[in-house]
Amino acid sequence: MSAVSNPFAPSEKQVTQKDSFDIRDELMGNDLLVTGPVKPGLSPMLEAPSEVWAVSDVGAFEGIAVMGLHGGAGASTLASLLGDGASEVGQAWPISQNAWTGSAWPIPVIAVARTDHSGLAAADRFVRSWANGQLTGSQLSALVLIESGPRTSDARKKATKRLLRMVPRGTHIPWMDPWLDAPPDPARLPGRIKRIIKLLNTPTK
């Protein structure tokens, strides 16, 4: 005699990888990236910062340069998620000189900052430096703003959205509480972050 299922017992849900590992981003909604000016000079007029952003010659370089805009920005974490094709280069704008011609080789640069007050201030100064043509020789690929806490004020949300639209590509990584306990495992990332990493690894035209 076959067993009769209990209509009052909760049914077992088939859990998929997407159910288990995906996350929401209240700031970005369904968007993974937002786009803006593809090169300096196309932005609305922005006041150039009084302090010139530091520039560093990184020598022969292949792949993506991940640049932290301040201490603790998360550049090393992002570089590890991007894989072997990305390297952290510090806080200076990286320039790679072509050994044959002596001219700058336009390596793709991903800039990273946190969304606390100091991180957003650094990102604002960087964006104004880039928009005013002070950072040349390499190609800004994207700005990544990493959430600095589980709650974000309306003012910081507004500032984050504004900055992400002032560069060729902008994206936001939500607060990830498990990353406080251990470094993120690239094999077990939320689906949203996997899709962002794939897009960041895709060269811009």
C-alpha atoms as a PDB file:
ATOM      1  CA  MET A   1       0.000   0.000   0.000  1.00  0.00           C
ATOM      2  CA  SER A   2       1.473   3.319  -1.039  1.00  0.00           C
ATOM      3  CA  ALA A   3       1.927   6.053   1.523  1.00  0.00           C
ATOM      4  CA  VAL A   4      -0.358   9.061   1.317  1.00  0.00           C
ATOM      5  CA  SER A   5       1.409  12.410   1.540  1.00  0.00           C
ATOM      6  CA  ASN A   6       0.374  14.741   4.341  1.00  0.00           C
ATOM      7  CA  PRO A   7      -1.230  17.830   2.745  1.00  0.00           C
ATOM      8  CA  PHE A   8      -0.358  19.892   5.848  1.00  0.00           C
ATOM      9  CA  ALA A   9       3.359  19.054   5.820  1.00  0.00           C
ATOM     10  CA  PRO A  10       5.629  21.493   3.982  1.00  0.00           C
ATOM     11  CA  SER A  11       6.779  20.044   0.698  1.00  0.00           C
ATOM     12  CA  GLU A  12      10.472  19.717   0.000  1.00  0.00           C
ATOM     13  CA  LYS A  13      11.680  22.395  -2.384  1.00  0.00           C
ATOM     14  CA  GLN A  14      14.135  21.444  -5.079  1.00  0.00           C
ATOM     15  CA  VAL A  15      17.040  23.775  -4.330  1.00  0.00           C
ATOM     16  CA  THR A  16      19.005  24.913  -7.355  1.00  0.00           C
ATOM     17  CA  GLN A  17      22.404  26.542  -7.406  1.00  0.00           C
ATOM     18  CA  LYS A  18      20.763  29.824  -8.301  1.00  0.00           C
ATOM     19  CA  ASP A  19      18.439  29.597  -5.282  1.00  0.00           C
ATOM     20  CA  SER A  20      21.354  28.842  -2.983  1.00  0.00           C
ATOM     21  CA  PHE A  21      23.941  31.278  -4.226  1.00  0.00           C
ATOM     22  CA  ASP A  22      22.309  34.289  -5.840  1.00  0.00           C
ATOM     23  CA  ILE A  23      21.860  37.630  -4.089  1.00  0.00           C
ATOM     24  CA  ARG A  24      19.967  40.864  -4.593  1.00  0.00           C
ATOM     25  CA  ASP A  25      21.448  44.306  -4.984  1.00  0.00           C
ATOM     26  CA  GLU A  26      19.014  46.980  -3.841  1.00  0.00           C
ATOM     27  CA  LEU A  27      21.233  49.706  -5.271  1.00  0.00           C
ATOM     28  CA  MET A  28      21.567  48.333  -8.821  1.00  0.00           C
ATOM     29  CA  GLY A  29      18.355  46.335  -9.149  1.00  0.00           C
ATOM     30  CA  ASN A  30      18.591  44.004 -12.150  1.00  0.00           C
ATOM     31  CA  ASP A  31      21.510  45.890 -13.697  1.00  0.00           C
ATOM     32  CA  LEU A  32      24.964  44.355 -13.399  1.00  0.00           C
ATOM     33  CA  LEU A  33      26.796  47.296 -14.943  1.00  0.00           C
ATOM     34  CA  VAL A  34      25.956  50.866 -15.817  1.00  0.00           C
ATOM     35  CA  THR A  35      27.780  52.746 -18.542  1.00  0.00           C
ATOM     36  CA  GLY A  36      29.005  56.296 -18.944  1.00  0.00           C
ATOM     37  CA  PRO A  37      31.598  58.334 -20.861  1.00  0.00           C
ATOM     38  CA  VAL A  38      34.042  56.043 -22.652  1.00  0.00           C
ATOM     39  CA  LYS A  39      36.915  58.545 -22.514  1.00  0.00           C
ATOM     40  CA  PRO A  40      37.867  61.802 -20.802  1.00  0.00           C
ATOM     41  CA  GLY A  41      36.272  64.938 -22.170  1.00  0.00           C
ATOM     42  CA  LEU A  42      32.843  63.393 -22.712  1.00  0.00           C
ATOM     43  CA  SER A  43      31.675  63.922 -19.114  1.00  0.00           C
ATOM     44  CA  PRO A  44      29.829  66.997 -17.917  1.00  0.00           C
ATOM     45  CA  MET A  45      32.279  69.655 -16.779  1.00  0.00           C
ATOM     46  CA  LEU A  46      33.910  68.491 -13.560  1.00  0.00           C
ATOM     47  CA  GLU A  47      36.322  70.513 -11.486  1.00  0.00           C
ATOM     48  CA  ALA A  48      39.798  69.027 -11.591  1.00  0.00           C
ATOM     49  CA  PRO A  49      41.158  68.064  -8.154  1.00  0.00           C
ATOM     50  CA  SER A  50      43.898  70.293  -6.789  1.00  0.00           C
ATOM     51  CA  GLU A  51      46.105  67.315  -5.963  1.00  0.00           C
ATOM     52  CA  VAL A  52      47.381  65.343  -8.969  1.00  0.00           C
ATOM     53  CA  TRP A  53      46.798  61.581  -8.758  1.00  0.00           C
ATOM     54  CA  ALA A  54      50.020  59.591  -8.484  1.00  0.00           C
ATOM     55  CA  VAL A  55      51.217  57.696 -11.576  1.00  0.00           C
ATOM     56  CA  SER A  56      53.475  54.645 -11.537  1.00  0.00           C
ATOM     57  CA  ASP A  57      55.365  52.786 -14.258  1.00  0.00           C
ATOM     58  CA  VAL A  58      54.575  49.099 -13.734  1.00  0.00           C
ATOM     59  CA  GLY A  59      56.956  47.925 -16.447  1.00  0.00           C
ATOM     60  CA  ALA A  60      56.045  45.130 -18.826  1.00  0.00           C
ATOM     61  CA  PHE A  61      52.462  44.174 -17.996  1.00  0.00           C
ATOM     62  CA  GLU A  62      49.850  41.823 -19.401  1.00  0.00           C
ATOM     63  CA  GLY A  63      46.253  41.449 -18.336  1.00  0.00           C
ATOM     64  CA  ILE A  64      44.045  43.674 -16.167  1.00  0.00           C
ATOM     65  CA  ALA A  65      45.484  46.113 -13.639  1.00  0.00           C
ATOM     66  CA  VAL A  66      43.368  46.339 -10.463  1.00  0.00           C
ATOM     67  CA  MET A  67      43.946  49.652  -8.723  1.00  0.00           C
ATOM     68  CA  GLY A  68      42.817  50.415  -5.178  1.00  0.00           C
ATOM     69  CA  LEU A  69      41.786  54.048  -4.758  1.00  0.00           C
ATOM     70  CA  HIS A  70      42.576  54.037  -1.025  1.00  0.00           C
ATOM     71  CA  GLY A  71      43.868  51.695   1.665  1.00  0.00           C
ATOM     72  CA  GLY A  72      41.546  48.738   2.253  1.00  0.00           C
ATOM     73  CA  ALA A  73      39.625  49.311  -0.963  1.00  0.00           C
ATOM     74  CA  GLY A  74      39.333  45.582  -1.728  1.00  0.00           C
ATOM     75  CA  ALA A  75      41.636  45.557  -4.758  1.00  0.00           C
ATOM     76  CA  SER A  76      43.429  42.357  -3.728  1.00  0.00           C
ATOM     77  CA  THR A  77      40.093  40.599  -3.179  1.00  0.00           C
ATOM     78  CA  LEU A  78      38.778  41.689  -6.571  1.00  0.00           C
ATOM     79  CA  ALA A  79      42.024  40.723  -8.330  1.00  0.00           C
ATOM     80  CA  SER A  80      41.805  37.234  -6.839  1.00  0.00           C
ATOM     81  CA  LEU A  81      38.194  36.894  -8.030  1.00  0.00           C
ATOM     82  CA  LEU A  82      39.106  38.038 -11.546  1.00  0.00           C
ATOM     83  CA  GLY A  83      41.653  35.230 -11.794  1.00  0.00           C
ATOM     84  CA  ASP A  84      45.134  34.837 -13.209  1.00  0.00           C
ATOM     85  CA  GLY A  85      44.627  37.539 -15.828  1.00  0.00           C
ATOM     86  CA  ALA A  86      44.407  40.310 -13.208  1.00  0.00           C
ATOM     87  CA  SER A  87      47.005  41.813 -10.869  1.00  0.00           C
ATOM     88  CA  GLU A  88      46.786  44.351  -8.063  1.00  0.00           C
ATOM     89  CA  VAL A  89      49.006  47.351  -8.825  1.00  0.00           C
ATOM     90  CA  GLY A  90      48.614  49.588  -5.778  1.00  0.00           C
ATOM     91  CA  GLN A  91      47.004  53.027  -5.568  1.00  0.00           C
ATOM     92  CA  ALA A  92      48.862  54.848  -8.360  1.00  0.00           C
ATOM     93  CA  TRP A  93      47.580  55.039 -11.941  1.00  0.00           C
ATOM     94  CA  PRO A  94      49.554  52.322 -13.741  1.00  0.00           C
ATOM     95  CA  ILE A  95      51.533  52.992 -16.906  1.00  0.00           C
ATOM     96  CA  SER A  96      53.219  50.209 -18.883  1.00  0.00           C
ATOM     97  CA  GLN A  97      55.908  51.335 -21.296  1.00  0.00           C
ATOM     98  CA  ASN A  98      56.310  49.486 -24.593  1.00  0.00           C
ATOM     99  CA  ALA A  99      59.909  48.233 -24.631  1.00  0.00           C
ATOM    100  CA  TRP A 100      60.189  48.737 -28.409  1.00  0.00           C
ATOM    101  CA  THR A 101      58.609  52.138 -28.914  1.00  0.00           C
ATOM    102  CA  GLY A 102      59.042  53.712 -25.480  1.00  0.00           C
ATOM    103  CA  SER A 103      55.409  54.842 -25.525  1.00  0.00           C
ATOM    104  CA  ALA A 104      52.726  53.870 -23.027  1.00  0.00           C
ATOM    105  CA  TRP A 105      50.908  50.598 -23.659  1.00  0.00           C
ATOM    106  CA  PRO A 106      47.196  51.104 -22.898  1.00  0.00           C
ATOM    107  CA  ILE A 107      46.591  48.417 -20.282  1.00  0.00           C
ATOM    108  CA  PRO A 108      43.005  48.073 -18.977  1.00  0.00           C
ATOM    109  CA  VAL A 109      42.562  49.404 -15.443  1.00  0.00           C
ATOM    110  CA  ILE A 110      39.803  48.547 -12.974  1.00  0.00           C
ATOM    111  CA  ALA A 111      39.591  51.043 -10.094  1.00  0.00           C
ATOM    112  CA  VAL A 112      38.182  49.870  -6.753  1.00  0.00           C
ATOM    113  CA  ALA A 113      36.859  51.721  -3.702  1.00  0.00           C
ATOM    114  CA  ARG A 114      34.638  51.092  -0.685  1.00  0.00           C
ATOM    115  CA  THR A 115      31.383  52.986  -0.196  1.00  0.00           C
ATOM    116  CA  ASP A 116      32.253  54.573   3.147  1.00  0.00           C
ATOM    117  CA  HIS A 117      32.894  58.321   3.278  1.00  0.00           C
ATOM    118  CA  SER A 118      36.642  58.057   2.671  1.00  0.00           C
ATOM    119  CA  GLY A 119      36.245  55.559  -0.171  1.00  0.00           C
ATOM    120  CA  LEU A 120      33.641  57.651  -1.960  1.00  0.00           C
ATOM    121  CA  ALA A 121      35.786  60.771  -1.511  1.00  0.00           C
ATOM    122  CA  ALA A 122      38.736  58.939  -3.081  1.00  0.00           C
ATOM    123  CA  ALA A 123      36.544  57.677  -5.925  1.00  0.00           C
ATOM    124  CA  ASP A 124      35.235  61.203  -6.543  1.00  0.00           C
ATOM    125  CA  ARG A 125      38.770  62.600  -6.738  1.00  0.00           C
ATOM    126  CA  PHE A 126      39.842  59.775  -9.048  1.00  0.00           C
ATOM    127  CA  VAL A 127      36.855  60.238 -11.387  1.00  0.00           C
ATOM    128  CA  ARG A 128      37.486  63.986 -11.609  1.00  0.00           C
ATOM    129  CA  SER A 129      41.176  63.348 -12.335  1.00  0.00           C
ATOM    130  CA  TRP A 130      40.272  60.906 -15.119  1.00  0.00           C
ATOM    131  CA  ALA A 131      37.523  63.088 -16.596  1.00  0.00           C
ATOM    132  CA  ASN A 132      39.894  66.050 -16.820  1.00  0.00           C
ATOM    133  CA  GLY A 133      42.462  64.081 -18.792  1.00  0.00           C
ATOM    134  CA  GLN A 134      45.024  63.854 -15.995  1.00  0.00           C
ATOM    135  CA  LEU A 135      45.269  60.048 -16.219  1.00  0.00           C
ATOM    136  CA  THR A 136      46.460  58.934 -19.628  1.00  0.00           C
ATOM    137  CA  GLY A 137      48.552  56.155 -21.150  1.00  0.00           C
ATOM    138  CA  SER A 138      46.288  53.358 -19.892  1.00  0.00           C
ATOM    139  CA  GLN A 139      42.576  52.687 -20.388  1.00  0.00           C
ATOM    140  CA  LEU A 140      40.028  52.937 -17.592  1.00  0.00           C
ATOM    141  CA  SER A 141      37.911  49.809 -17.970  1.00  0.00           C
ATOM    142  CA  ALA A 142      35.620  50.038 -14.937  1.00  0.00           C
ATOM    143  CA  LEU A 143      34.993  51.448 -11.483  1.00  0.00           C
ATOM    144  CA  VAL A 144      33.955  48.908  -8.845  1.00  0.00           C
ATOM    145  CA  LEU A 145      32.425  50.198  -5.610  1.00  0.00           C
ATOM    146  CA  ILE A 146      32.299  47.590  -2.843  1.00  0.00           C
ATOM    147  CA  GLU A 147      29.693  48.017  -0.127  1.00  0.00           C
ATOM    148  CA  SER A 148      31.363  48.889   3.177  1.00  0.00           C
ATOM    149  CA  GLY A 149      28.595  47.727   5.518  1.00  0.00           C
ATOM    150  CA  PRO A 150      25.221  46.009   5.773  1.00  0.00           C
ATOM    151  CA  ARG A 151      23.340  49.334   5.752  1.00  0.00           C
ATOM    152  CA  THR A 152      23.871  52.340   3.495  1.00  0.00           C
ATOM    153  CA  SER A 153      22.559  55.861   3.983  1.00  0.00           C
ATOM    154  CA  ASP A 154      20.550  57.540   1.241  1.00  0.00           C
ATOM    155  CA  ALA A 155      23.335  60.078   0.752  1.00  0.00           C
ATOM    156  CA  ARG A 156      25.940  57.359   0.131  1.00  0.00           C
ATOM    157  CA  LYS A 157      23.575  55.496  -2.197  1.00  0.00           C
ATOM    158  CA  LYS A 158      23.128  58.668  -4.240  1.00  0.00           C
ATOM    159  CA  ALA A 159      26.883  59.305  -4.347  1.00  0.00           C
ATOM    160  CA  THR A 160      27.577  55.709  -5.378  1.00  0.00           C
ATOM    161  CA  LYS A 161      25.095  55.813  -8.258  1.00  0.00           C
ATOM    162  CA  ARG A 162      26.458  59.168  -9.455  1.00  0.00           C
ATOM    163  CA  LEU A 163      30.069  57.962  -9.527  1.00  0.00           C
ATOM    164  CA  LEU A 164      29.268  54.698 -11.318  1.00  0.00           C
ATOM    165  CA  ARG A 165      27.708  56.627 -14.217  1.00  0.00           C
ATOM    166  CA  MET A 166      30.713  58.914 -14.678  1.00  0.00           C
ATOM    167  CA  VAL A 167      33.067  56.220 -16.023  1.00  0.00           C
ATOM    168  CA  PRO A 168      32.987  53.801 -18.995  1.00  0.00           C
ATOM    169  CA  ARG A 169      31.584  50.984 -16.853  1.00  0.00           C
ATOM    170  CA  GLY A 170      30.501  51.024 -13.220  1.00  0.00           C
ATOM    171  CA  THR A 171      29.412  48.215 -10.951  1.00  0.00           C
ATOM    172  CA  HIS A 172      28.612  47.659  -7.289  1.00  0.00           C
ATOM    173  CA  ILE A 173      29.312  44.647  -5.085  1.00  0.00           C
ATOM    174  CA  PRO A 174      26.819  44.377  -2.210  1.00  0.00           C
ATOM    175  CA  TRP A 175      27.800  43.751   1.397  1.00  0.00           C
ATOM    176  CA  MET A 176      28.987  40.154   1.829  1.00  0.00           C
ATOM    177  CA  ASP A 177      28.955  39.226   5.514  1.00  0.00           C
ATOM    178  CA  PRO A 178      30.620  35.790   4.975  1.00  0.00           C
ATOM    179  CA  TRP A 179      33.702  37.560   3.587  1.00  0.00           C
ATOM    180  CA  LEU A 180      34.412  38.826   7.116  1.00  0.00           C
ATOM    181  CA  ASP A 181      35.070  35.254   8.251  1.00  0.00           C
ATOM    182  CA  ALA A 182      37.053  33.970   5.276  1.00  0.00           C
ATOM    183  CA  PRO A 183      38.265  35.127   1.859  1.00  0.00           C
ATOM    184  CA  PRO A 184      35.702  34.597  -0.904  1.00  0.00           C
ATOM    185  CA  ASP A 185      35.944  31.265  -2.683  1.00  0.00           C
ATOM    186  CA  PRO A 186      35.836  31.923  -6.471  1.00  0.00           C
ATOM    187  CA  ALA A 187      34.148  28.531  -6.936  1.00  0.00           C
ATOM    188  CA  ARG A 188      31.294  29.391  -4.550  1.00  0.00           C
ATOM    189  CA  LEU A 189      30.321  32.937  -5.377  1.00  0.00           C
ATOM    190  CA  PRO A 190      26.748  34.216  -5.594  1.00  0.00           C
ATOM    191  CA  GLY A 191      25.481  34.084  -9.150  1.00  0.00           C
ATOM    192  CA  ARG A 192      25.280  37.863  -9.406  1.00  0.00           C
ATOM    193  CA  ILE A 193      28.938  38.322  -8.503  1.00  0.00           C
ATOM    194  CA  LYS A 194      29.969  35.554 -10.930  1.00  0.00           C
ATOM    195  CA  ARG A 195      28.200  37.424 -13.716  1.00  0.00           C
ATOM    196  CA  ILE A 196      29.863  40.703 -12.734  1.00  0.00           C
ATOM    197  CA  ILE A 197      33.304  39.047 -12.723  1.00  0.00           C
ATOM    198  CA  LYS A 198      32.651  37.625 -16.187  1.00  0.00           C
ATOM    199  CA  LEU A 199      31.714  41.068 -17.512  1.00  0.00           C
ATOM    200  CA  LEU A 200      34.764  42.715 -15.920  1.00  0.00           C
ATOM    201  CA  ASN A 201      36.982  40.110 -17.568  1.00  0.00           C
ATOM    202  CA  THR A 202      35.454  40.977 -20.954  1.00  0.00           C
ATOM    203  CA  PRO A 203      37.586  43.586 -22.756  1.00  0.00           C
ATOM    204  CA  THR A 204      35.945  46.891 -23.557  1.00  0.00           C
ATOM    205  CA  LYS A 205      35.848  47.999 -27.189  1.00  0.00           C
END
